[in-house]
Amino acid sequence: GIGLGAALGGLGLLLDRVLPPGPVAVLLLAAGTLLTGAL
């Protein structure tokens, strides 16, 4: 879980450079869902 959270947080740092907070939040939720298969 820590690894997944750190990976998503790192992705957020990259997305912050090009997108505002709302779209970043959506993409992080999508990435988390894909990584876990929505299980």
PDB file of all heavy atoms in Angstrom:
ATOM      1  N   GLY A   1       0.810  -1.218   0.000  1.00  0.00           N
ATOM      2  CA  GLY A   1       0.000   0.000   0.000  1.00  0.00           C
ATOM      3  C   GLY A   1       0.838   1.259   0.000  1.00  0.00           C
ATOM      4  O   GLY A   1       0.540   2.227  -0.712  1.00  0.00           O
ATOM      5  N   ILE A   2       1.900   1.263   0.791  1.00  0.00           N
ATOM      6  CA  ILE A   2       2.802   2.423   0.818  1.00  0.00           C
ATOM      7  C   ILE A   2       3.409   2.647  -0.560  1.00  0.00           C
ATOM      8  O   ILE A   2       3.519   3.787  -1.032  1.00  0.00           O
ATOM      9  CB  ILE A   2       3.904   2.213   1.879  1.00  0.00           C
ATOM     10  CG1 ILE A   2       3.311   2.297   3.287  1.00  0.00           C
ATOM     11  CG2 ILE A   2       5.019   3.244   1.717  1.00  0.00           C
ATOM     12  CD1 ILE A   2       4.259   1.840   4.387  1.00  0.00           C
ATOM     13  N   GLY A   3       3.810   1.562  -1.212  1.00  0.00           N
ATOM     14  CA  GLY A   3       4.371   1.686  -2.558  1.00  0.00           C
ATOM     15  C   GLY A   3       3.375   2.267  -3.542  1.00  0.00           C
ATOM     16  O   GLY A   3       3.716   3.140  -4.352  1.00  0.00           O
ATOM     17  N   LEU A   4       2.126   1.790  -3.470  1.00  0.00           N
ATOM     18  CA  LEU A   4       1.094   2.325  -4.359  1.00  0.00           C
ATOM     19  C   LEU A   4       0.839   3.804  -4.081  1.00  0.00           C
ATOM     20  O   LEU A   4       0.733   4.619  -5.005  1.00  0.00           O
ATOM     21  CB  LEU A   4      -0.208   1.539  -4.174  1.00  0.00           C
ATOM     22  CG  LEU A   4      -0.254   0.112  -4.720  1.00  0.00           C
ATOM     23  CD1 LEU A   4      -1.538  -0.585  -4.266  1.00  0.00           C
ATOM     24  CD2 LEU A   4      -0.164   0.115  -6.234  1.00  0.00           C
ATOM     25  N   GLY A   5       0.735   4.160  -2.809  1.00  0.00           N
ATOM     26  CA  GLY A   5       0.485   5.558  -2.458  1.00  0.00           C
ATOM     27  C   GLY A   5       1.606   6.475  -2.885  1.00  0.00           C
ATOM     28  O   GLY A   5       1.371   7.577  -3.403  1.00  0.00           O
ATOM     29  N   ALA A   6       2.849   6.029  -2.691  1.00  0.00           N
ATOM     30  CA  ALA A   6       3.993   6.837  -3.103  1.00  0.00           C
ATOM     31  C   ALA A   6       4.043   6.995  -4.616  1.00  0.00           C
ATOM     32  O   ALA A   6       4.374   8.073  -5.131  1.00  0.00           O
ATOM     33  CB  ALA A   6       5.288   6.205  -2.586  1.00  0.00           C
ATOM     34  N   ALA A   7       3.691   5.911  -5.337  1.00  0.00           N
ATOM     35  CA  ALA A   7       3.683   5.995  -6.805  1.00  0.00           C
ATOM     36  C   ALA A   7       2.632   6.977  -7.291  1.00  0.00           C
ATOM     37  O   ALA A   7       2.890   7.804  -8.189  1.00  0.00           O
ATOM     38  CB  ALA A   7       3.439   4.611  -7.404  1.00  0.00           C
ATOM     39  N   LEU A   8       1.446   6.926  -6.707  1.00  0.00           N
ATOM     40  CA  LEU A   8       0.393   7.859  -7.103  1.00  0.00           C
ATOM     41  C   LEU A   8       0.754   9.291  -6.711  1.00  0.00           C
ATOM     42  O   LEU A   8       0.501  10.238  -7.461  1.00  0.00           O
ATOM     43  CB  LEU A   8      -0.937   7.458  -6.459  1.00  0.00           C
ATOM     44  CG  LEU A   8      -1.569   6.166  -6.974  1.00  0.00           C
ATOM     45  CD1 LEU A   8      -2.811   5.816  -6.161  1.00  0.00           C
ATOM     46  CD2 LEU A   8      -1.932   6.302  -8.453  1.00  0.00           C
ATOM     47  N   GLY A   9       1.349   9.448  -5.527  1.00  0.00           N
ATOM     48  CA  GLY A   9       1.777  10.786  -5.116  1.00  0.00           C
ATOM     49  C   GLY A   9       2.840  11.344  -6.034  1.00  0.00           C
ATOM     50  O   GLY A   9       2.836  12.538  -6.363  1.00  0.00           O
ATOM     51  N   GLY A  10       3.786  10.488  -6.452  1.00  0.00           N
ATOM     52  CA  GLY A  10       4.809  10.933  -7.410  1.00  0.00           C
ATOM     53  C   GLY A  10       4.203  11.304  -8.747  1.00  0.00           C
ATOM     54  O   GLY A  10       4.624  12.297  -9.376  1.00  0.00           O
ATOM     55  N   LEU A  11       3.208  10.531  -9.197  1.00  0.00           N
ATOM     56  CA  LEU A  11       2.511  10.879 -10.440  1.00  0.00           C
ATOM     57  C   LEU A  11       1.830  12.230 -10.306  1.00  0.00           C
ATOM     58  O   LEU A  11       1.848  13.045 -11.242  1.00  0.00           O
ATOM     59  CB  LEU A  11       1.492   9.795 -10.769  1.00  0.00           C
ATOM     60  CG  LEU A  11       0.594  10.051 -11.984  1.00  0.00           C
ATOM     61  CD1 LEU A  11       1.430  10.182 -13.256  1.00  0.00           C
ATOM     62  CD2 LEU A  11      -0.445   8.941 -12.126  1.00  0.00           C
ATOM     63  N   GLY A  12       1.265  12.478  -9.137  1.00  0.00           N
ATOM     64  CA  GLY A  12       0.625  13.769  -8.905  1.00  0.00           C
ATOM     65  C   GLY A  12       1.597  14.934  -9.006  1.00  0.00           C
ATOM     66  O   GLY A  12       1.256  15.998  -9.538  1.00  0.00           O
ATOM     67  N   LEU A  13       2.820  14.738  -8.511  1.00  0.00           N
ATOM     68  CA  LEU A  13       3.828  15.797  -8.614  1.00  0.00           C
ATOM     69  C   LEU A  13       4.130  16.139 -10.065  1.00  0.00           C
ATOM     70  O   LEU A  13       4.327  17.312 -10.417  1.00  0.00           O
ATOM     71  CB  LEU A  13       5.110  15.362  -7.902  1.00  0.00           C
ATOM     72  CG  LEU A  13       5.039  15.201  -6.382  1.00  0.00           C
ATOM     73  CD1 LEU A  13       6.366  14.680  -5.845  1.00  0.00           C
ATOM     74  CD2 LEU A  13       4.668  16.523  -5.710  1.00  0.00           C
ATOM     75  N   LEU A  14       4.143  15.124 -10.920  1.00  0.00           N
ATOM     76  CA  LEU A  14       4.382  15.361 -12.338  1.00  0.00           C
ATOM     77  C   LEU A  14       3.196  16.051 -12.993  1.00  0.00           C
ATOM     78  O   LEU A  14       3.362  16.990 -13.789  1.00  0.00           O
ATOM     79  CB  LEU A  14       4.675  14.036 -13.045  1.00  0.00           C
ATOM     80  CG  LEU A  14       5.955  13.303 -12.632  1.00  0.00           C
ATOM     81  CD1 LEU A  14       6.047  11.963 -13.353  1.00  0.00           C
ATOM     82  CD2 LEU A  14       7.180  14.149 -12.930  1.00  0.00           C
ATOM     83  N   LEU A  15       1.978  15.601 -12.645  1.00  0.00           N
ATOM     84  CA  LEU A  15       0.777  16.178 -13.256  1.00  0.00           C
ATOM     85  C   LEU A  15       0.548  17.617 -12.819  1.00  0.00           C
ATOM     86  O   LEU A  15      -0.046  18.407 -13.560  1.00  0.00           O
ATOM     87  CB  LEU A  15      -0.444  15.325 -12.906  1.00  0.00           C
ATOM     88  CG  LEU A  15      -0.472  13.913 -13.515  1.00  0.00           C
ATOM     89  CD1 LEU A  15      -1.650  13.127 -12.972  1.00  0.00           C
ATOM     90  CD2 LEU A  15      -0.534  13.985 -15.039  1.00  0.00           C
ATOM     91  N   ASP A  16       1.022  17.960 -11.620  1.00  0.00           N
ATOM     92  CA  ASP A  16       0.869  19.330 -11.135  1.00  0.00           C
ATOM     93  C   ASP A  16       1.529  20.352 -12.068  1.00  0.00           C
ATOM     94  O   ASP A  16       1.153  21.527 -12.080  1.00  0.00           O
ATOM     95  CB  ASP A  16       1.484  19.477  -9.739  1.00  0.00           C
ATOM     96  CG  ASP A  16       0.568  18.939  -8.649  1.00  0.00           C
ATOM     97  OD1 ASP A  16      -0.649  18.822  -8.889  1.00  0.00           O
ATOM     98  OD2 ASP A  16       1.078  18.627  -7.560  1.00  0.00           O
ATOM     99  N   ARG A  17       2.508  19.904 -12.826  1.00  0.00           N
ATOM    100  CA  ARG A  17       3.245  20.816 -13.711  1.00  0.00           C
ATOM    101  C   ARG A  17       2.403  21.274 -14.905  1.00  0.00           C
ATOM    102  O   ARG A  17       2.677  22.327 -15.489  1.00  0.00           O
ATOM    103  CB  ARG A  17       4.513  20.143 -14.232  1.00  0.00           C
ATOM    104  CG  ARG A  17       5.511  19.735 -13.150  1.00  0.00           C
ATOM    105  CD  ARG A  17       6.610  18.861 -13.722  1.00  0.00           C
ATOM    106  NE  ARG A  17       7.585  18.455 -12.723  1.00  0.00           N
ATOM    107  CZ  ARG A  17       8.733  19.075 -12.503  1.00  0.00           C
ATOM    108  NH1 ARG A  17       9.067  20.124 -13.230  1.00  0.00           N
ATOM    109  NH2 ARG A  17       9.552  18.632 -11.575  1.00  0.00           N
ATOM    110  N   VAL A  18       1.375  20.474 -15.253  1.00  0.00           N
ATOM    111  CA  VAL A  18       0.646  20.774 -16.485  1.00  0.00           C
ATOM    112  C   VAL A  18      -0.853  20.909 -16.297  1.00  0.00           C
ATOM    113  O   VAL A  18      -1.545  21.387 -17.208  1.00  0.00           O
ATOM    114  CB  VAL A  18       0.922  19.693 -17.554  1.00  0.00           C
ATOM    115  CG1 VAL A  18       2.376  19.738 -17.986  1.00  0.00           C
ATOM    116  CG2 VAL A  18       0.567  18.301 -17.040  1.00  0.00           C
ATOM    117  N   LEU A  19      -1.388  20.502 -15.131  1.00  0.00           N
ATOM    118  CA  LEU A  19      -2.844  20.488 -14.951  1.00  0.00           C
ATOM    119  C   LEU A  19      -3.233  21.120 -13.616  1.00  0.00           C
ATOM    120  O   LEU A  19      -2.473  21.057 -12.642  1.00  0.00           O
ATOM    121  CB  LEU A  19      -3.378  19.051 -15.002  1.00  0.00           C
ATOM    122  CG  LEU A  19      -3.314  18.330 -16.353  1.00  0.00           C
ATOM    123  CD1 LEU A  19      -3.693  16.862 -16.168  1.00  0.00           C
ATOM    124  CD2 LEU A  19      -4.223  19.000 -17.371  1.00  0.00           C
ATOM    125  N   PRO A  20      -4.432  21.683 -13.530  1.00  0.00           N
ATOM    126  CA  PRO A  20      -4.936  22.200 -12.257  1.00  0.00           C
ATOM    127  C   PRO A  20      -5.377  21.055 -11.339  1.00  0.00           C
ATOM    128  O   PRO A  20      -5.470  19.894 -11.766  1.00  0.00           O
ATOM    129  CB  PRO A  20      -6.129  23.077 -12.680  1.00  0.00           C
ATOM    130  CG  PRO A  20      -6.550  22.535 -13.994  1.00  0.00           C
ATOM    131  CD  PRO A  20      -5.314  22.022 -14.671  1.00  0.00           C
ATOM    132  N   PRO A  21      -5.699  21.375 -10.069  1.00  0.00           N
ATOM    133  CA  PRO A  21      -5.950  20.322  -9.075  1.00  0.00           C
ATOM    134  C   PRO A  21      -7.096  19.365  -9.413  1.00  0.00           C
ATOM    135  O   PRO A  21      -6.979  18.153  -9.173  1.00  0.00           O
ATOM    136  CB  PRO A  21      -6.261  21.113  -7.800  1.00  0.00           C
ATOM    137  CG  PRO A  21      -5.556  22.415  -7.985  1.00  0.00           C
ATOM    138  CD  PRO A  21      -5.649  22.709  -9.444  1.00  0.00           C
ATOM    139  N   GLY A  22      -8.201  19.866  -9.944  1.00  0.00           N
ATOM    140  CA  GLY A  22      -9.345  19.005 -10.235  1.00  0.00           C
ATOM    141  C   GLY A  22      -9.026  17.884 -11.206  1.00  0.00           C
ATOM    142  O   GLY A  22      -9.235  16.698 -10.902  1.00  0.00           O
ATOM    143  N   PRO A  23      -8.519  18.210 -12.395  1.00  0.00           N
ATOM    144  CA  PRO A  23      -8.145  17.145 -13.335  1.00  0.00           C
ATOM    145  C   PRO A  23      -7.069  16.208 -12.794  1.00  0.00           C
ATOM    146  O   PRO A  23      -7.089  15.011 -13.079  1.00  0.00           O
ATOM    147  CB  PRO A  23      -7.632  17.931 -14.553  1.00  0.00           C
ATOM    148  CG  PRO A  23      -8.373  19.230 -14.498  1.00  0.00           C
ATOM    149  CD  PRO A  23      -8.469  19.541 -13.032  1.00  0.00           C
ATOM    150  N   VAL A  24      -6.129  16.741 -12.008  1.00  0.00           N
ATOM    151  CA  VAL A  24      -5.108  15.873 -11.409  1.00  0.00           C
ATOM    152  C   VAL A  24      -5.767  14.847 -10.489  1.00  0.00           C
ATOM    153  O   VAL A  24      -5.428  13.659 -10.506  1.00  0.00           O
ATOM    154  CB  VAL A  24      -4.065  16.702 -10.634  1.00  0.00           C
ATOM    155  CG1 VAL A  24      -3.141  15.784  -9.835  1.00  0.00           C
ATOM    156  CG2 VAL A  24      -3.244  17.555 -11.595  1.00  0.00           C
ATOM    157  N   ALA A  25      -6.724  15.299  -9.690  1.00  0.00           N
ATOM    158  CA  ALA A  25      -7.421  14.389  -8.780  1.00  0.00           C
ATOM    159  C   ALA A  25      -8.132  13.289  -9.542  1.00  0.00           C
ATOM    160  O   ALA A  25      -8.098  12.114  -9.152  1.00  0.00           O
ATOM    161  CB  ALA A  25      -8.413  15.172  -7.923  1.00  0.00           C
ATOM    162  N   VAL A  26      -8.779  13.630 -10.651  1.00  0.00           N
ATOM    163  CA  VAL A  26      -9.480  12.632 -11.458  1.00  0.00           C
ATOM    164  C   VAL A  26      -8.499  11.606 -12.012  1.00  0.00           C
ATOM    165  O   VAL A  26      -8.746  10.386 -11.978  1.00  0.00           O
ATOM    166  CB  VAL A  26     -10.255  13.305 -12.600  1.00  0.00           C
ATOM    167  CG1 VAL A  26     -10.797  12.266 -13.572  1.00  0.00           C
ATOM    168  CG2 VAL A  26     -11.401  14.142 -12.046  1.00  0.00           C
ATOM    169  N   LEU A  27      -7.380  12.076 -12.536  1.00  0.00           N
ATOM    170  CA  LEU A  27      -6.394  11.168 -13.117  1.00  0.00           C
ATOM    171  C   LEU A  27      -5.764  10.268 -12.050  1.00  0.00           C
ATOM    172  O   LEU A  27      -5.476   9.091 -12.314  1.00  0.00           O
ATOM    173  CB  LEU A  27      -5.314  11.971 -13.845  1.00  0.00           C
ATOM    174  CG  LEU A  27      -5.771  12.662 -15.141  1.00  0.00           C
ATOM    175  CD1 LEU A  27      -4.643  13.500 -15.721  1.00  0.00           C
ATOM    176  CD2 LEU A  27      -6.248  11.629 -16.162  1.00  0.00           C
ATOM    177  N   LEU A  28      -5.557  10.789 -10.859  1.00  0.00           N
ATOM    178  CA  LEU A  28      -5.005   9.963  -9.791  1.00  0.00           C
ATOM    179  C   LEU A  28      -5.992   8.878  -9.359  1.00  0.00           C
ATOM    180  O   LEU A  28      -5.608   7.733  -9.098  1.00  0.00           O
ATOM    181  CB  LEU A  28      -4.618  10.829  -8.590  1.00  0.00           C
ATOM    182  CG  LEU A  28      -3.415  11.758  -8.802  1.00  0.00           C
ATOM    183  CD1 LEU A  28      -3.148  12.586  -7.555  1.00  0.00           C
ATOM    184  CD2 LEU A  28      -2.175  10.961  -9.184  1.00  0.00           C
ATOM    185  N   LEU A  29      -7.276   9.229  -9.289  1.00  0.00           N
ATOM    186  CA  LEU A  29      -8.290   8.224  -8.973  1.00  0.00           C
ATOM    187  C   LEU A  29      -8.346   7.156 -10.061  1.00  0.00           C
ATOM    188  O   LEU A  29      -8.469   5.959  -9.767  1.00  0.00           O
ATOM    189  CB  LEU A  29      -9.659   8.886  -8.808  1.00  0.00           C
ATOM    190  CG  LEU A  29      -9.872   9.694  -7.532  1.00  0.00           C
ATOM    191  CD1 LEU A  29     -11.223  10.402  -7.573  1.00  0.00           C
ATOM    192  CD2 LEU A  29      -9.799   8.782  -6.296  1.00  0.00           C
ATOM    193  N   ALA A  30      -8.251   7.590 -11.312  1.00  0.00           N
ATOM    194  CA  ALA A  30      -8.265   6.634 -12.419  1.00  0.00           C
ATOM    195  C   ALA A  30      -7.045   5.721 -12.365  1.00  0.00           C
ATOM    196  O   ALA A  30      -7.157   4.497 -12.558  1.00  0.00           O
ATOM    197  CB  ALA A  30      -8.309   7.386 -13.755  1.00  0.00           C
ATOM    198  N   ALA A  31      -5.881   6.301 -12.081  1.00  0.00           N
ATOM    199  CA  ALA A  31      -4.659   5.502 -12.010  1.00  0.00           C
ATOM    200  C   ALA A  31      -4.733   4.497 -10.866  1.00  0.00           C
ATOM    201  O   ALA A  31      -4.349   3.326 -11.017  1.00  0.00           O
ATOM    202  CB  ALA A  31      -3.444   6.416 -11.832  1.00  0.00           C
ATOM    203  N   GLY A  32      -5.244   4.930  -9.716  1.00  0.00           N
ATOM    204  CA  GLY A  32      -5.385   4.025  -8.587  1.00  0.00           C
ATOM    205  C   GLY A  32      -6.353   2.889  -8.880  1.00  0.00           C
ATOM    206  O   GLY A  32      -6.123   1.735  -8.503  1.00  0.00           O
ATOM    207  N   THR A  33      -7.439   3.209  -9.575  1.00  0.00           N
ATOM    208  CA  THR A  33      -8.425   2.193  -9.947  1.00  0.00           C
ATOM    209  C   THR A  33      -7.818   1.184 -10.906  1.00  0.00           C
ATOM    210  O   THR A  33      -8.038  -0.028 -10.787  1.00  0.00           O
ATOM    211  CB  THR A  33      -9.658   2.849 -10.580  1.00  0.00           C
ATOM    212  OG1 THR A  33     -10.233   3.772  -9.645  1.00  0.00           O
ATOM    213  CG2 THR A  33     -10.701   1.806 -10.963  1.00  0.00           C
ATOM    214  N   LEU A  34      -7.021   1.665 -11.859  1.00  0.00           N
ATOM    215  CA  LEU A  34      -6.378   0.759 -12.815  1.00  0.00           C
ATOM    216  C   LEU A  34      -5.358  -0.138 -12.127  1.00  0.00           C
ATOM    217  O   LEU A  34      -5.260  -1.334 -12.432  1.00  0.00           O
ATOM    218  CB  LEU A  34      -5.706   1.577 -13.926  1.00  0.00           C
ATOM    219  CG  LEU A  34      -6.648   2.269 -14.922  1.00  0.00           C
ATOM    220  CD1 LEU A  34      -5.847   3.165 -15.870  1.00  0.00           C
ATOM    221  CD2 LEU A  34      -7.448   1.243 -15.712  1.00  0.00           C
ATOM    222  N   LEU A  35      -4.592   0.418 -11.206  1.00  0.00           N
ATOM    223  CA  LEU A  35      -3.565  -0.368 -10.519  1.00  0.00           C
ATOM    224  C   LEU A  35      -4.164  -1.479  -9.659  1.00  0.00           C
ATOM    225  O   LEU A  35      -3.567  -2.549  -9.516  1.00  0.00           O
ATOM    226  CB  LEU A  35      -2.697   0.540  -9.650  1.00  0.00           C
ATOM    227  CG  LEU A  35      -1.664   1.402 -10.379  1.00  0.00           C
ATOM    228  CD1 LEU A  35      -1.018   2.381  -9.415  1.00  0.00           C
ATOM    229  CD2 LEU A  35      -0.600   0.531 -11.033  1.00  0.00           C
ATOM    230  N   THR A  36      -5.335  -1.226  -9.082  1.00  0.00           N
ATOM    231  CA  THR A  36      -5.961  -2.220  -8.215  1.00  0.00           C
ATOM    232  C   THR A  36      -7.032  -3.033  -8.931  1.00  0.00           C
ATOM    233  O   THR A  36      -7.609  -3.945  -8.328  1.00  0.00           O
ATOM    234  CB  THR A  36      -6.600  -1.544  -6.999  1.00  0.00           C
ATOM    235  OG1 THR A  36      -7.613  -0.621  -7.441  1.00  0.00           O
ATOM    236  CG2 THR A  36      -5.559  -0.789  -6.188  1.00  0.00           C
ATOM    237  N   GLY A  37      -7.314  -2.698 -10.192  1.00  0.00           N
ATOM    238  CA  GLY A  37      -8.369  -3.390 -10.907  1.00  0.00           C
ATOM    239  C   GLY A  37      -9.742  -3.128 -10.324  1.00  0.00           C
ATOM    240  O   GLY A  37     -10.676  -3.920 -10.551  1.00  0.00           O
ATOM    241  N   ALA A  38      -9.894  -2.046  -9.572  1.00  0.00           N
ATOM    242  CA  ALA A  38     -11.156  -1.695  -8.905  1.00  0.00           C
ATOM    243  C   ALA A  38     -11.645  -2.807  -7.985  1.00  0.00           C
ATOM    244  O   ALA A  38     -12.833  -2.882  -7.664  1.00  0.00           O
ATOM    245  CB  ALA A  38     -12.231  -1.335  -9.938  1.00  0.00           C
ATOM    246  N   LEU A  39     -10.742  -3.685  -7.537  1.00  0.00           N
ATOM    247  CA  LEU A  39     -11.140  -4.829  -6.716  1.00  0.00           C
ATOM    248  C   LEU A  39     -11.769  -4.387  -5.402  1.00  0.00           C
ATOM    249  O   LEU A  39     -12.806  -4.924  -4.984  1.00  0.00           O
ATOM    250  CB  LEU A  39      -9.918  -5.714  -6.443  1.00  0.00           C
ATOM    251  CG  LEU A  39      -9.308  -6.435  -7.644  1.00  0.00           C
ATOM    252  CD1 LEU A  39      -8.005  -7.121  -7.233  1.00  0.00           C
ATOM    253  CD2 LEU A  39     -10.291  -7.448  -8.211  1.00  0.00           C
TER     254      LEU A  39
END
